[in-house]
């Protein structure tokens, strides 16, 4: 029986991504596989607003170590298929779980959210901020410093729990005692505030 083909080059890409090689990660995920991610983003459910945000979420998903085993999901890749095929399967399962979870959530409550004092500032941010960020810049910056520059405490905690501690949307909303309708609204504004601060630090704003 012939031996199964091993995709050696793809194993190299996986290894470098696991080891947080910035150049390889940006090239493979954000350039080479961008059409793949865009196709999935265009055709399946995510709660992301841009393709780059979707790639960010998948990147976090595949390199975050499991609390019990200490191994990340990407370490399961053995090169028996292309890495792109493995990523596609991972994305489709991820989107399915997201869709299923979203269908189970009652988001009919669109009443005003919490009583933040900076609603006017929120509206300005909503109209002026981009919803993507440059991953190559954030990897070299002190995240805590950026978080501490966020003027809104609630937004700061959303970003900390969602992206630093790796909670999903539902876990973050529960931790902050927010309805999902409230969370989806504030999550968007929190990302915009963080991206605005990041842009000032990197000189992209």
N, C-alpha and C. Protein backbone atom coordinates (compact mmCIF):
# COMPACT_ATOMS: atom_id res chain seq x y z
N UNK A 1 0.85 -1.20 0.00
CA UNK A 1 0.00 0.00 0.00
C UNK A 1 0.88 1.24 0.00
N UNK A 2 0.69 2.14 -0.96
CA UNK A 2 1.55 3.34 -1.03
C UNK A 2 1.38 4.23 0.18
N UNK A 3 2.49 4.85 0.60
CA UNK A 3 2.45 5.73 1.76
C UNK A 3 1.66 6.99 1.43
N UNK A 4 0.97 7.50 2.44
CA UNK A 4 0.18 8.71 2.25
C UNK A 4 1.12 9.89 1.97
N UNK A 5 0.68 10.75 1.08
CA UNK A 5 1.49 11.93 0.76
C UNK A 5 1.50 12.89 1.93
N UNK A 6 2.67 13.39 2.25
CA UNK A 6 2.81 14.38 3.31
C UNK A 6 3.19 15.72 2.68
N UNK A 7 2.45 16.74 3.01
CA UNK A 7 2.69 18.07 2.46
C UNK A 7 3.72 18.79 3.34
N UNK A 8 4.98 18.58 2.99
CA UNK A 8 6.09 19.06 3.81
C UNK A 8 6.09 20.59 3.92
N UNK A 9 5.86 21.27 2.80
CA UNK A 9 5.87 22.73 2.83
C UNK A 9 4.78 23.26 3.75
N UNK A 10 3.63 22.62 3.75
CA UNK A 10 2.53 23.05 4.60
C UNK A 10 2.84 22.80 6.08
N UNK A 11 3.57 21.73 6.36
CA UNK A 11 4.01 21.48 7.74
C UNK A 11 4.95 22.60 8.20
N UNK A 12 5.76 23.08 7.27
CA UNK A 12 6.65 24.20 7.59
C UNK A 12 5.83 25.45 7.94
N UNK A 13 4.84 25.75 7.11
CA UNK A 13 4.00 26.93 7.39
C UNK A 13 3.31 26.79 8.75
N UNK A 14 2.78 25.61 9.03
CA UNK A 14 2.09 25.39 10.31
C UNK A 14 3.05 25.60 11.47
N UNK A 15 4.26 25.05 11.36
CA UNK A 15 5.26 25.19 12.42
C UNK A 15 5.60 26.65 12.68
N UNK A 16 5.80 27.39 11.60
CA UNK A 16 6.17 28.81 11.75
C UNK A 16 5.02 29.63 12.33
N UNK A 17 3.80 29.30 11.97
CA UNK A 17 2.64 30.01 12.54
C UNK A 17 2.53 29.72 14.02
N UNK A 18 2.71 28.45 14.41
CA UNK A 18 2.66 28.07 15.82
C UNK A 18 3.72 28.81 16.61
N UNK A 19 4.88 28.98 16.00
CA UNK A 19 6.00 29.67 16.67
C UNK A 19 5.89 31.19 16.56
N UNK A 20 4.76 31.67 16.06
CA UNK A 20 4.46 33.10 15.96
C UNK A 20 5.43 33.85 15.06
N UNK A 21 5.88 33.20 14.01
CA UNK A 21 6.70 33.90 13.03
C UNK A 21 5.81 34.89 12.29
N UNK A 22 6.04 36.15 12.51
CA UNK A 22 5.16 37.20 11.99
C UNK A 22 5.14 37.24 10.46
N UNK A 23 6.30 37.12 9.86
CA UNK A 23 6.38 37.22 8.40
C UNK A 23 5.64 36.07 7.72
N UNK A 24 5.87 34.84 8.19
CA UNK A 24 5.21 33.68 7.60
C UNK A 24 3.71 33.71 7.86
N UNK A 25 3.34 34.09 9.09
CA UNK A 25 1.92 34.14 9.45
C UNK A 25 1.17 35.13 8.57
N UNK A 26 1.72 36.31 8.42
CA UNK A 26 1.07 37.33 7.59
C UNK A 26 0.99 36.88 6.13
N UNK A 27 2.09 36.29 5.64
CA UNK A 27 2.09 35.84 4.25
C UNK A 27 1.06 34.74 4.03
N UNK A 28 1.09 33.70 4.87
CA UNK A 28 0.25 32.53 4.60
C UNK A 28 -1.22 32.80 4.87
N UNK A 29 -1.53 33.34 6.05
CA UNK A 29 -2.93 33.53 6.41
C UNK A 29 -3.55 34.75 5.75
N UNK A 30 -2.84 35.87 5.75
CA UNK A 30 -3.44 37.14 5.33
C UNK A 30 -3.22 37.46 3.85
N UNK A 31 -2.35 36.70 3.19
CA UNK A 31 -2.14 36.92 1.76
C UNK A 31 -2.48 35.67 0.94
N UNK A 32 -1.71 34.61 1.13
CA UNK A 32 -1.90 33.40 0.33
C UNK A 32 -3.31 32.82 0.49
N UNK A 33 -3.81 32.78 1.75
CA UNK A 33 -5.12 32.16 2.00
C UNK A 33 -6.26 33.18 2.08
N UNK A 34 -5.98 34.43 1.76
CA UNK A 34 -7.04 35.43 1.84
C UNK A 34 -8.25 35.07 0.97
N UNK A 35 -8.06 34.62 -0.28
CA UNK A 35 -9.24 34.24 -1.09
C UNK A 35 -10.08 33.14 -0.44
N UNK A 36 -9.42 32.18 0.22
CA UNK A 36 -10.14 31.11 0.90
C UNK A 36 -11.00 31.68 2.02
N UNK A 37 -10.40 32.52 2.86
CA UNK A 37 -11.13 33.11 3.97
C UNK A 37 -12.27 34.01 3.47
N UNK A 38 -12.01 34.75 2.39
CA UNK A 38 -13.05 35.63 1.87
C UNK A 38 -14.24 34.83 1.35
N UNK A 39 -13.96 33.71 0.68
CA UNK A 39 -15.03 32.87 0.18
C UNK A 39 -15.90 32.33 1.31
N UNK A 40 -15.26 31.90 2.39
CA UNK A 40 -16.02 31.40 3.55
C UNK A 40 -16.78 32.54 4.21
N UNK A 41 -16.11 33.69 4.36
CA UNK A 41 -16.74 34.85 4.96
C UNK A 41 -17.98 35.29 4.17
N UNK A 42 -17.89 35.22 2.86
CA UNK A 42 -18.99 35.65 1.99
C UNK A 42 -20.17 34.68 1.98
N UNK A 43 -19.90 33.41 2.30
CA UNK A 43 -20.93 32.39 2.12
C UNK A 43 -21.44 31.73 3.40
N UNK A 44 -20.77 31.98 4.51
CA UNK A 44 -21.17 31.34 5.76
C UNK A 44 -21.31 32.37 6.87
N UNK A 45 -21.99 31.98 7.94
CA UNK A 45 -22.23 32.92 9.03
C UNK A 45 -20.99 33.14 9.89
N UNK A 46 -20.67 34.40 10.11
CA UNK A 46 -19.71 34.79 11.17
C UNK A 46 -20.31 36.03 11.81
N UNK A 47 -19.80 36.41 12.95
CA UNK A 47 -20.25 37.67 13.54
C UNK A 47 -19.19 38.76 13.32
N UNK A 48 -18.35 38.55 12.31
CA UNK A 48 -17.28 39.50 12.00
C UNK A 48 -17.76 40.51 10.96
N UNK A 49 -17.16 41.66 10.98
CA UNK A 49 -17.56 42.72 10.07
C UNK A 49 -16.66 42.81 8.84
N UNK A 50 -15.49 42.20 8.89
CA UNK A 50 -14.58 42.22 7.75
C UNK A 50 -13.90 40.86 7.63
N UNK A 51 -13.31 40.61 6.47
CA UNK A 51 -12.57 39.36 6.27
C UNK A 51 -11.36 39.31 7.19
N UNK A 52 -10.68 40.43 7.34
CA UNK A 52 -9.49 40.47 8.20
C UNK A 52 -9.85 40.13 9.64
N UNK A 53 -10.99 40.63 10.10
CA UNK A 53 -11.42 40.30 11.45
C UNK A 53 -11.69 38.81 11.57
N UNK A 54 -12.27 38.22 10.53
CA UNK A 54 -12.53 36.79 10.52
C UNK A 54 -11.21 36.01 10.58
N UNK A 55 -10.22 36.44 9.80
CA UNK A 55 -8.92 35.77 9.83
C UNK A 55 -8.29 35.89 11.22
N UNK A 56 -8.43 37.08 11.83
CA UNK A 56 -7.91 37.26 13.18
C UNK A 56 -8.51 36.24 14.15
N UNK A 57 -9.82 36.02 14.03
CA UNK A 57 -10.50 35.08 14.93
C UNK A 57 -10.03 33.65 14.69
N UNK A 58 -9.87 33.27 13.43
CA UNK A 58 -9.40 31.92 13.12
C UNK A 58 -7.96 31.75 13.60
N UNK A 59 -7.14 32.77 13.40
CA UNK A 59 -5.75 32.72 13.87
C UNK A 59 -5.71 32.50 15.38
N UNK A 60 -6.52 33.26 16.11
CA UNK A 60 -6.58 33.10 17.57
C UNK A 60 -7.05 31.70 17.93
N UNK A 61 -8.05 31.22 17.21
CA UNK A 61 -8.60 29.88 17.47
C UNK A 61 -7.55 28.79 17.33
N UNK A 62 -6.75 28.85 16.28
CA UNK A 62 -5.85 27.74 15.98
C UNK A 62 -4.54 27.79 16.74
N UNK A 63 -4.18 28.95 17.33
CA UNK A 63 -2.90 29.00 18.05
C UNK A 63 -3.05 29.14 19.56
N UNK A 64 -4.28 29.27 20.05
CA UNK A 64 -4.48 29.39 21.50
C UNK A 64 -4.36 28.01 22.15
N UNK A 65 -3.45 27.86 23.11
CA UNK A 65 -3.28 26.54 23.75
C UNK A 65 -4.53 26.11 24.51
N UNK A 66 -4.84 24.82 24.44
CA UNK A 66 -5.92 24.24 25.22
C UNK A 66 -5.54 24.28 26.70
N UNK A 67 -6.48 24.67 27.55
CA UNK A 67 -6.17 24.80 28.98
C UNK A 67 -5.78 23.47 29.61
N UNK A 68 -6.31 22.38 29.09
CA UNK A 68 -6.03 21.07 29.68
C UNK A 68 -4.77 20.43 29.11
N UNK A 69 -4.59 20.49 27.81
CA UNK A 69 -3.45 19.80 27.18
C UNK A 69 -2.24 20.70 26.97
N UNK A 70 -2.47 22.02 26.90
CA UNK A 70 -1.36 22.93 26.62
C UNK A 70 -1.00 23.00 25.16
N UNK A 71 -1.72 22.25 24.31
CA UNK A 71 -1.45 22.24 22.87
C UNK A 71 -2.50 23.06 22.13
N UNK A 72 -2.06 23.75 21.09
CA UNK A 72 -3.00 24.50 20.28
C UNK A 72 -3.59 23.62 19.19
N UNK A 73 -4.68 24.07 18.60
CA UNK A 73 -5.38 23.29 17.59
C UNK A 73 -4.53 23.03 16.35
N UNK A 74 -3.70 24.00 15.99
CA UNK A 74 -2.88 23.85 14.78
C UNK A 74 -1.86 22.71 14.93
N UNK A 75 -1.51 22.37 16.15
CA UNK A 75 -0.57 21.26 16.37
C UNK A 75 -1.16 19.91 15.95
N UNK A 76 -2.47 19.86 15.74
CA UNK A 76 -3.11 18.64 15.26
C UNK A 76 -2.89 18.42 13.76
N UNK A 77 -2.43 19.46 13.07
CA UNK A 77 -2.19 19.33 11.63
C UNK A 77 -0.96 18.45 11.40
N UNK A 78 -1.12 17.39 10.62
CA UNK A 78 -0.05 16.41 10.39
C UNK A 78 0.46 16.41 8.95
N UNK A 79 -0.03 17.31 8.13
CA UNK A 79 0.46 17.38 6.76
C UNK A 79 -0.12 16.34 5.84
N UNK A 80 -1.19 15.66 6.27
CA UNK A 80 -1.79 14.63 5.43
C UNK A 80 -2.74 15.23 4.38
N UNK A 81 -3.02 16.50 4.51
CA UNK A 81 -3.74 17.28 3.51
C UNK A 81 -3.01 18.61 3.40
N UNK A 82 -3.42 19.44 2.49
CA UNK A 82 -2.82 20.77 2.47
C UNK A 82 -3.29 21.55 3.69
N UNK A 83 -2.50 22.51 4.10
CA UNK A 83 -2.89 23.34 5.25
C UNK A 83 -4.14 24.14 4.90
N UNK A 84 -4.27 24.54 3.64
CA UNK A 84 -5.46 25.29 3.21
C UNK A 84 -6.73 24.44 3.39
N UNK A 85 -6.65 23.16 3.05
CA UNK A 85 -7.79 22.27 3.23
C UNK A 85 -8.13 22.11 4.70
N UNK A 86 -7.10 21.97 5.53
CA UNK A 86 -7.30 21.85 6.98
C UNK A 86 -7.96 23.12 7.52
N UNK A 87 -7.48 24.27 7.06
CA UNK A 87 -8.05 25.55 7.51
C UNK A 87 -9.51 25.68 7.08
N UNK A 88 -9.80 25.25 5.86
CA UNK A 88 -11.18 25.33 5.37
C UNK A 88 -12.11 24.51 6.26
N UNK A 89 -11.70 23.29 6.58
CA UNK A 89 -12.52 22.45 7.46
C UNK A 89 -12.70 23.09 8.82
N UNK A 90 -11.62 23.62 9.37
CA UNK A 90 -11.67 24.28 10.67
C UNK A 90 -12.63 25.47 10.63
N UNK A 91 -12.55 26.27 9.58
CA UNK A 91 -13.42 27.44 9.43
C UNK A 91 -14.89 27.05 9.33
N UNK A 92 -15.17 26.00 8.57
CA UNK A 92 -16.56 25.60 8.37
C UNK A 92 -17.19 25.10 9.68
N UNK A 93 -16.43 24.33 10.46
CA UNK A 93 -16.93 23.90 11.76
C UNK A 93 -17.13 25.10 12.69
N UNK A 94 -16.19 26.04 12.61
CA UNK A 94 -16.27 27.24 13.44
C UNK A 94 -17.52 28.05 13.09
N UNK A 95 -17.76 28.23 11.80
CA UNK A 95 -18.94 28.99 11.36
C UNK A 95 -20.23 28.27 11.73
N UNK A 96 -20.23 26.95 11.62
CA UNK A 96 -21.42 26.19 11.99
C UNK A 96 -21.73 26.36 13.47
N UNK A 97 -20.70 26.26 14.31
CA UNK A 97 -20.93 26.44 15.75
C UNK A 97 -21.42 27.84 16.06
N UNK A 98 -20.85 28.83 15.39
CA UNK A 98 -21.28 30.22 15.57
C UNK A 98 -22.74 30.39 15.19
N UNK A 99 -23.10 29.83 14.05
CA UNK A 99 -24.48 29.95 13.57
C UNK A 99 -25.45 29.26 14.52
N UNK A 100 -25.10 28.07 14.94
CA UNK A 100 -25.97 27.32 15.84
C UNK A 100 -26.16 28.06 17.16
N UNK A 101 -25.06 28.60 17.68
CA UNK A 101 -25.13 29.34 18.94
C UNK A 101 -25.97 30.60 18.79
N UNK A 102 -25.78 31.28 17.66
CA UNK A 102 -26.53 32.52 17.43
C UNK A 102 -28.02 32.24 17.32
N UNK A 103 -28.39 31.13 16.68
CA UNK A 103 -29.80 30.80 16.53
C UNK A 103 -30.47 30.52 17.87
N UNK A 104 -29.66 30.12 18.85
CA UNK A 104 -30.21 29.78 20.16
C UNK A 104 -30.33 30.99 21.07
N UNK A 105 -29.82 32.12 20.60
CA UNK A 105 -29.79 33.32 21.43
C UNK A 105 -30.94 34.26 21.04
N UNK A 106 -31.65 34.73 22.01
CA UNK A 106 -32.72 35.68 21.74
C UNK A 106 -32.12 37.08 21.73
N UNK A 107 -32.06 37.67 20.54
CA UNK A 107 -31.49 39.02 20.45
C UNK A 107 -32.57 40.02 20.03
N UNK A 108 -33.80 39.70 20.35
CA UNK A 108 -34.89 40.60 20.00
C UNK A 108 -34.83 41.88 20.83
N UNK A 109 -34.26 41.79 22.05
CA UNK A 109 -34.21 42.95 22.93
C UNK A 109 -33.24 43.97 22.39
N UNK A 110 -33.77 44.98 21.73
CA UNK A 110 -32.94 46.04 21.18
C UNK A 110 -33.12 47.34 21.95
N UNK A 111 -33.48 47.20 23.21
CA UNK A 111 -33.67 48.38 24.05
C UNK A 111 -32.33 49.06 24.29
N UNK A 112 -32.33 50.33 24.73
CA UNK A 112 -31.06 51.01 24.96
C UNK A 112 -30.16 50.21 25.88
N UNK A 113 -28.87 50.30 25.64
CA UNK A 113 -27.91 49.50 26.40
C UNK A 113 -27.60 50.19 27.72
N UNK A 114 -26.40 49.92 28.25
CA UNK A 114 -26.09 50.52 29.54
C UNK A 114 -25.94 52.03 29.41
N UNK A 115 -25.91 52.69 30.53
CA UNK A 115 -25.93 54.16 30.54
C UNK A 115 -24.52 54.71 30.52
N UNK A 116 -23.79 54.48 29.44
CA UNK A 116 -22.45 55.05 29.32
C UNK A 116 -22.57 56.56 29.14
N UNK A 117 -21.52 57.24 29.59
CA UNK A 117 -21.54 58.70 29.53
C UNK A 117 -21.02 59.24 28.21
N UNK A 118 -20.49 58.34 27.35
CA UNK A 118 -19.85 58.85 26.14
C UNK A 118 -20.59 58.43 24.88
N UNK A 119 -21.92 58.47 24.91
CA UNK A 119 -22.70 58.08 23.74
C UNK A 119 -22.37 58.95 22.53
N UNK A 120 -22.13 60.24 22.80
CA UNK A 120 -21.78 61.12 21.69
C UNK A 120 -20.45 60.67 21.07
N UNK A 121 -19.48 60.35 21.94
CA UNK A 121 -18.20 59.86 21.45
C UNK A 121 -18.37 58.56 20.69
N UNK A 122 -19.29 57.70 21.14
CA UNK A 122 -19.56 56.45 20.46
C UNK A 122 -20.02 56.71 19.03
N UNK A 123 -20.90 57.68 18.86
CA UNK A 123 -21.43 57.97 17.53
C UNK A 123 -20.32 58.48 16.62
N UNK A 124 -19.43 59.31 17.18
CA UNK A 124 -18.30 59.79 16.39
C UNK A 124 -17.43 58.62 15.94
N UNK A 125 -17.14 57.71 16.90
CA UNK A 125 -16.31 56.55 16.57
C UNK A 125 -16.99 55.68 15.52
N UNK A 126 -18.29 55.51 15.67
CA UNK A 126 -19.02 54.64 14.76
C UNK A 126 -18.92 55.15 13.33
N UNK A 127 -18.87 56.46 13.19
CA UNK A 127 -18.83 57.04 11.85
C UNK A 127 -17.42 57.16 11.28
N UNK A 128 -16.40 57.15 12.15
CA UNK A 128 -15.08 57.50 11.66
C UNK A 128 -14.04 56.40 11.71
N UNK A 129 -14.27 55.33 12.50
CA UNK A 129 -13.21 54.35 12.71
C UNK A 129 -13.32 53.17 11.78
N UNK A 130 -12.17 52.65 11.40
CA UNK A 130 -12.13 51.40 10.66
C UNK A 130 -12.36 50.25 11.61
N UNK A 131 -12.76 49.09 11.09
CA UNK A 131 -13.00 47.92 11.95
C UNK A 131 -11.91 46.88 11.78
N UNK A 132 -10.79 47.21 11.11
CA UNK A 132 -9.69 46.28 10.99
C UNK A 132 -8.45 46.86 11.64
N UNK A 133 -7.46 46.00 11.91
CA UNK A 133 -6.22 46.50 12.43
C UNK A 133 -5.06 45.73 11.83
N UNK A 134 -3.88 46.30 11.94
CA UNK A 134 -2.68 45.72 11.35
C UNK A 134 -2.05 44.76 12.33
N UNK A 135 -2.19 43.48 12.09
CA UNK A 135 -1.67 42.47 12.98
C UNK A 135 -0.16 42.57 13.15
N UNK A 136 0.54 42.95 12.09
CA UNK A 136 1.98 43.02 12.15
C UNK A 136 2.45 44.08 13.14
N UNK A 137 1.62 45.09 13.40
CA UNK A 137 1.98 46.13 14.36
C UNK A 137 1.66 45.71 15.78
N UNK A 138 0.47 45.12 15.97
CA UNK A 138 0.04 44.83 17.33
C UNK A 138 0.90 43.77 18.00
N UNK A 139 1.53 42.90 17.22
CA UNK A 139 2.35 41.86 17.81
C UNK A 139 3.56 42.42 18.56
N UNK A 140 3.94 43.65 18.26
CA UNK A 140 5.13 44.23 18.87
C UNK A 140 4.79 45.30 19.90
N UNK A 141 3.56 45.38 20.25
CA UNK A 141 3.17 46.45 21.16
C UNK A 141 2.66 45.89 22.46
N UNK A 142 2.75 46.69 23.50
CA UNK A 142 2.27 46.29 24.81
C UNK A 142 0.76 46.43 24.84
N UNK A 143 0.06 45.30 24.82
CA UNK A 143 -1.40 45.33 24.76
C UNK A 143 -1.99 46.02 25.98
N UNK A 144 -1.40 45.78 27.15
CA UNK A 144 -1.93 46.40 28.37
C UNK A 144 -1.86 47.92 28.29
N UNK A 145 -0.78 48.44 27.71
CA UNK A 145 -0.66 49.89 27.55
C UNK A 145 -1.77 50.43 26.67
N UNK A 146 -2.05 49.71 25.58
CA UNK A 146 -3.12 50.13 24.68
C UNK A 146 -4.47 50.08 25.37
N UNK A 147 -4.71 49.00 26.12
CA UNK A 147 -5.98 48.86 26.82
C UNK A 147 -6.17 49.98 27.84
N UNK A 148 -5.11 50.32 28.53
CA UNK A 148 -5.20 51.37 29.55
C UNK A 148 -5.49 52.74 28.96
N UNK A 149 -5.28 52.89 27.67
CA UNK A 149 -5.57 54.16 27.01
C UNK A 149 -7.01 54.24 26.52
N UNK A 150 -7.75 53.18 26.68
CA UNK A 150 -9.17 53.21 26.32
C UNK A 150 -9.93 53.94 27.43
N UNK A 151 -10.66 54.96 27.06
CA UNK A 151 -11.33 55.80 28.05
C UNK A 151 -12.56 55.14 28.66
N UNK A 152 -13.13 54.19 27.96
CA UNK A 152 -14.35 53.55 28.43
C UNK A 152 -14.00 52.21 29.08
N UNK A 153 -14.27 52.09 30.38
CA UNK A 153 -13.90 50.88 31.13
C UNK A 153 -14.61 49.65 30.58
N UNK A 154 -15.89 49.78 30.23
CA UNK A 154 -16.63 48.64 29.72
C UNK A 154 -16.04 48.14 28.41
N UNK A 155 -15.67 49.07 27.51
CA UNK A 155 -15.06 48.68 26.26
C UNK A 155 -13.72 47.97 26.51
N UNK A 156 -12.97 48.52 27.45
CA UNK A 156 -11.66 47.94 27.79
C UNK A 156 -11.80 46.49 28.24
N UNK A 157 -12.81 46.22 29.06
CA UNK A 157 -13.02 44.85 29.55
C UNK A 157 -13.49 43.93 28.44
N UNK A 158 -14.29 44.45 27.52
CA UNK A 158 -14.72 43.64 26.38
C UNK A 158 -13.51 43.17 25.57
N UNK A 159 -12.62 44.09 25.25
CA UNK A 159 -11.43 43.74 24.47
C UNK A 159 -10.53 42.79 25.25
N UNK A 160 -10.36 43.05 26.54
CA UNK A 160 -9.49 42.20 27.35
C UNK A 160 -10.01 40.75 27.39
N UNK A 161 -11.30 40.60 27.70
CA UNK A 161 -11.87 39.27 27.82
C UNK A 161 -11.96 38.56 26.47
N UNK A 162 -12.39 39.32 25.45
CA UNK A 162 -12.65 38.71 24.14
C UNK A 162 -11.36 38.32 23.40
N UNK A 163 -10.34 39.23 23.44
CA UNK A 163 -9.17 39.00 22.60
C UNK A 163 -7.90 38.64 23.37
N UNK A 164 -7.77 39.12 24.61
CA UNK A 164 -6.58 38.79 25.39
C UNK A 164 -6.77 37.46 26.11
N UNK A 165 -7.93 37.29 26.75
CA UNK A 165 -8.20 36.06 27.49
C UNK A 165 -8.85 34.99 26.63
N UNK A 166 -9.26 35.35 25.40
CA UNK A 166 -9.74 34.36 24.44
C UNK A 166 -11.14 33.85 24.65
N UNK A 167 -11.98 34.58 25.40
CA UNK A 167 -13.37 34.16 25.55
C UNK A 167 -14.11 34.36 24.23
N UNK A 168 -15.17 33.59 24.00
CA UNK A 168 -16.00 33.85 22.82
C UNK A 168 -17.03 34.92 23.17
N UNK A 169 -17.85 35.28 22.20
CA UNK A 169 -18.80 36.38 22.41
C UNK A 169 -19.75 36.10 23.57
N UNK A 170 -20.28 34.88 23.61
CA UNK A 170 -21.26 34.55 24.65
C UNK A 170 -20.63 34.55 26.04
N UNK A 171 -19.42 34.01 26.16
CA UNK A 171 -18.73 33.99 27.45
C UNK A 171 -18.42 35.41 27.92
N UNK A 172 -18.02 36.27 27.00
CA UNK A 172 -17.70 37.65 27.35
C UNK A 172 -18.95 38.39 27.83
N UNK A 173 -20.05 38.22 27.10
CA UNK A 173 -21.30 38.87 27.49
C UNK A 173 -21.73 38.40 28.87
N UNK A 174 -21.62 37.11 29.12
CA UNK A 174 -22.03 36.57 30.43
C UNK A 174 -21.14 37.11 31.54
N UNK A 175 -19.83 37.18 31.29
CA UNK A 175 -18.90 37.67 32.30
C UNK A 175 -19.19 39.13 32.67
N UNK A 176 -19.69 39.89 31.70
CA UNK A 176 -19.96 41.31 31.93
C UNK A 176 -21.44 41.58 32.21
N UNK A 177 -22.22 40.49 32.37
CA UNK A 177 -23.64 40.62 32.68
C UNK A 177 -24.38 41.46 31.64
N UNK A 178 -24.10 41.20 30.38
CA UNK A 178 -24.71 41.94 29.29
C UNK A 178 -25.62 41.02 28.49
N UNK A 179 -26.72 41.57 27.97
CA UNK A 179 -27.51 40.81 27.01
C UNK A 179 -26.70 40.71 25.72
N UNK A 180 -27.04 39.75 24.86
CA UNK A 180 -26.30 39.62 23.62
C UNK A 180 -26.53 40.82 22.71
N UNK A 181 -27.73 41.38 22.73
CA UNK A 181 -28.00 42.58 21.91
C UNK A 181 -27.09 43.72 22.36
N UNK A 182 -26.99 43.89 23.67
CA UNK A 182 -26.12 44.91 24.24
C UNK A 182 -24.68 44.63 23.86
N UNK A 183 -24.28 43.37 24.00
CA UNK A 183 -22.89 43.01 23.72
C UNK A 183 -22.51 43.29 22.28
N UNK A 184 -23.34 42.86 21.32
CA UNK A 184 -22.99 43.05 19.92
C UNK A 184 -22.81 44.53 19.58
N UNK A 185 -23.63 45.36 20.18
CA UNK A 185 -23.52 46.80 19.97
C UNK A 185 -22.21 47.33 20.56
N UNK A 186 -21.95 47.00 21.84
CA UNK A 186 -20.77 47.53 22.52
C UNK A 186 -19.48 46.90 22.01
N UNK A 187 -19.56 45.64 21.57
CA UNK A 187 -18.38 44.98 21.01
C UNK A 187 -17.87 45.74 19.79
N UNK A 188 -18.79 46.13 18.93
CA UNK A 188 -18.41 46.89 17.73
C UNK A 188 -17.73 48.20 18.11
N UNK A 189 -18.32 48.91 19.05
CA UNK A 189 -17.76 50.20 19.45
C UNK A 189 -16.44 50.04 20.19
N UNK A 190 -16.33 48.96 20.97
CA UNK A 190 -15.08 48.70 21.70
C UNK A 190 -13.94 48.44 20.72
N UNK A 191 -14.21 47.64 19.68
CA UNK A 191 -13.19 47.36 18.68
C UNK A 191 -12.76 48.65 17.99
N UNK A 192 -13.73 49.48 17.68
CA UNK A 192 -13.41 50.72 16.98
C UNK A 192 -12.55 51.64 17.85
N UNK A 193 -12.86 51.70 19.16
CA UNK A 193 -12.06 52.54 20.05
C UNK A 193 -10.64 51.99 20.15
N UNK A 194 -10.51 50.67 20.29
CA UNK A 194 -9.18 50.06 20.39
C UNK A 194 -8.38 50.28 19.11
N UNK A 195 -9.04 50.09 17.97
CA UNK A 195 -8.37 50.25 16.67
C UNK A 195 -7.94 51.71 16.47
N UNK A 196 -8.77 52.63 16.95
CA UNK A 196 -8.41 54.05 16.85
C UNK A 196 -7.15 54.34 17.63
N UNK A 197 -7.06 53.79 18.85
CA UNK A 197 -5.86 53.98 19.68
C UNK A 197 -4.66 53.31 19.04
N UNK A 198 -4.85 52.10 18.53
CA UNK A 198 -3.77 51.38 17.86
C UNK A 198 -3.27 52.15 16.66
N UNK A 199 -4.21 52.73 15.90
CA UNK A 199 -3.83 53.50 14.73
C UNK A 199 -2.96 54.69 15.08
N UNK A 200 -3.29 55.36 16.19
CA UNK A 200 -2.49 56.51 16.64
C UNK A 200 -1.08 56.08 17.04
N UNK A 201 -0.99 54.89 17.68
CA UNK A 201 0.31 54.40 18.13
C UNK A 201 1.20 53.97 16.96
N UNK A 202 0.58 53.41 15.93
CA UNK A 202 1.36 52.90 14.79
C UNK A 202 1.51 53.91 13.67
N UNK A 203 0.85 55.09 13.83
CA UNK A 203 0.93 56.12 12.81
C UNK A 203 0.10 55.86 11.60
N UNK A 204 -0.95 54.99 11.75
CA UNK A 204 -1.80 54.68 10.60
C UNK A 204 -3.08 55.48 10.61
N UNK A 205 -3.29 56.30 11.62
CA UNK A 205 -4.47 57.14 11.69
C UNK A 205 -4.09 58.59 11.49
